[in-house]
C-alpha atoms as a PDB file:
ATOM      1  CA  MET A   1     -16.442  14.573  11.947  1.00  0.00           C
ATOM      2  CA  THR A   2     -13.064  12.617  13.084  1.00  0.00           C
ATOM      3  CA  ARG A   3     -11.484  12.668  16.409  1.00  0.00           C
ATOM      4  CA  VAL A   4      -7.700  12.980  16.350  1.00  0.00           C
ATOM      5  CA  GLY A   5      -6.214  10.205  18.167  1.00  0.00           C
ATOM      6  CA  ALA A   6      -9.202   8.119  18.172  1.00  0.00           C
ATOM      7  CA  ARG A   7      -8.609   4.402  18.628  1.00  0.00           C
ATOM      8  CA  ARG A   8      -9.275   2.280  15.427  1.00  0.00           C
ATOM      9  CA  PRO A   9      -9.723  -1.324  15.964  1.00  0.00           C
ATOM     10  CA  LYS A  10      -6.681  -3.660  15.289  1.00  0.00           C
ATOM     11  CA  GLY A  11      -6.720  -5.870  12.129  1.00  0.00           C
ATOM     12  CA  PRO A  12      -5.534  -6.255   8.868  1.00  0.00           C
ATOM     13  CA  PRO A  13      -6.764  -3.542   6.362  1.00  0.00           C
ATOM     14  CA  GLY A  14      -9.803  -4.611   4.463  1.00  0.00           C
ATOM     15  CA  SER A  15     -11.026  -7.050   7.599  1.00  0.00           C
ATOM     16  CA  ALA A  16     -14.086  -6.413   9.403  1.00  0.00           C
ATOM     17  CA  CYS A  17     -11.963  -4.662  12.178  1.00  0.00           C
ATOM     18  CA  GLN A  18     -10.392  -2.321   9.524  1.00  0.00           C
ATOM     19  CA  PRO A  19     -11.818  -0.147   6.580  1.00  0.00           C
ATOM     20  CA  PRO A  20     -10.169  -1.006   3.237  1.00  0.00           C
ATOM     21  CA  HIS A  21      -7.128   1.625   2.321  1.00  0.00           C
ATOM     22  CA  HIS A  22      -7.764   3.731  -0.565  1.00  0.00           C
ATOM     23  CA  ARG A  23      -5.470   1.410  -2.685  1.00  0.00           C
ATOM     24  CA  GLU A  24      -7.666  -1.405  -2.189  1.00  0.00           C
ATOM     25  CA  ARG A  25     -10.665   0.380  -3.436  1.00  0.00           C
ATOM     26  CA  VAL A  26      -8.737   1.695  -6.215  1.00  0.00           C
ATOM     27  CA  PHE A  27      -7.613  -1.340  -7.426  1.00  0.00           C
ATOM     28  CA  ALA A  28     -10.876  -2.934  -6.638  1.00  0.00           C
ATOM     29  CA  GLY A  29     -12.410  -0.570  -9.606  1.00  0.00           C
ATOM     30  CA  VAL A  30      -9.575  -0.768 -12.260  1.00  0.00           C
ATOM     31  CA  ASP A  31     -11.120  -1.558 -15.672  1.00  0.00           C
ATOM     32  CA  ALA A  32      -9.054  -4.320 -17.679  1.00  0.00           C
ATOM     33  CA  ALA A  33     -10.182  -2.719 -20.967  1.00  0.00           C
ATOM     34  CA  GLU A  34      -8.581   0.715 -20.146  1.00  0.00           C
ATOM     35  CA  LEU A  35      -5.770  -0.128 -18.071  1.00  0.00           C
ATOM     36  CA  PRO A  36      -4.909  -3.929 -18.874  1.00  0.00           C
ATOM     37  CA  ARG A  37      -1.432  -3.856 -17.243  1.00  0.00           C
ATOM     38  CA  VAL A  38      -2.898  -2.391 -13.997  1.00  0.00           C
ATOM     39  CA  ALA A  39      -5.699  -4.945 -13.660  1.00  0.00           C
ATOM     40  CA  ALA A  40      -3.199  -7.692 -14.279  1.00  0.00           C
ATOM     41  CA  VAL A  41      -1.380  -7.037 -11.522  1.00  0.00           C
ATOM     42  CA  ALA A  42      -4.354  -5.661  -9.343  1.00  0.00           C
ATOM     43  CA  ALA A  43      -5.073  -9.310  -8.080  1.00  0.00           C
ATOM     44  CA  ARG A  44      -1.788 -10.027  -6.625  1.00  0.00           C
ATOM     45  CA  ARG A  45      -1.042  -6.281  -5.647  1.00  0.00           C
ATOM     46  CA  PRO A  46      -1.610  -7.456  -1.715  1.00  0.00           C
ATOM     47  CA  GLU A  47       1.694  -9.743  -1.941  1.00  0.00           C
ATOM     48  CA  PRO A  48       4.501  -7.113  -2.854  1.00  0.00           C
ATOM     49  CA  THR A  49       2.915  -4.598  -0.300  1.00  0.00           C
ATOM     50  CA  ALA A  50       2.246  -6.999   2.304  1.00  0.00           C
ATOM     51  CA  GLU A  51       5.900  -6.982   3.664  1.00  0.00           C
ATOM     52  CA  ASP A  52       7.346  -3.793   5.249  1.00  0.00           C
ATOM     53  CA  THR A  53      10.104  -2.375   3.083  1.00  0.00           C
ATOM     54  CA  TYR A  54      10.612   0.986   4.319  1.00  0.00           C
ATOM     55  CA  LEU A  55      13.813   0.442   6.381  1.00  0.00           C
ATOM     56  CA  ASP A  56      15.191  -1.151   3.252  1.00  0.00           C
ATOM     57  CA  GLY A  57      14.286   1.561   0.865  1.00  0.00           C
ATOM     58  CA  LEU A  58      15.552   4.359   3.319  1.00  0.00           C
ATOM     59  CA  ARG A  59      18.822   2.486   3.912  1.00  0.00           C
ATOM     60  CA  ALA A  60      19.391   2.515   0.059  1.00  0.00           C
ATOM     61  CA  LEU A  61      18.228   6.011  -0.162  1.00  0.00           C
ATOM     62  CA  VAL A  62      21.050   7.302   2.369  1.00  0.00           C
ATOM     63  CA  ASN A  63      23.803   4.788   0.942  1.00  0.00           C
ATOM     64  CA  GLY A  64      23.263   6.493  -2.851  1.00  0.00           C
ATOM     65  CA  LEU A  65      23.166   9.631  -1.247  1.00  0.00           C
ATOM     66  CA  VAL A  66      26.495   9.339   0.812  1.00  0.00           C
ATOM     67  CA  GLU A  67      28.049   7.518  -2.076  1.00  0.00           C
ATOM     68  CA  ALA A  68      27.187  10.307  -4.538  1.00  0.00           C
ATOM     69  CA  GLY A  69      29.055  12.804  -2.120  1.00  0.00           C
END
């Protein structure tokens, strides 16, 4: 049972304080023979996702919609 609003310990995902995110579990089990390109980037996947780019993407989306008129 999960309590809504339950406090989770602070810490980076995958640390002793936080369970790994779904992405970490998925990328950890990638079969290089079956998905070679995904396996090649799986080791460095945390690099591009470590930085928060939500606002940049949202701005680009809104600007594109405004320009499209």
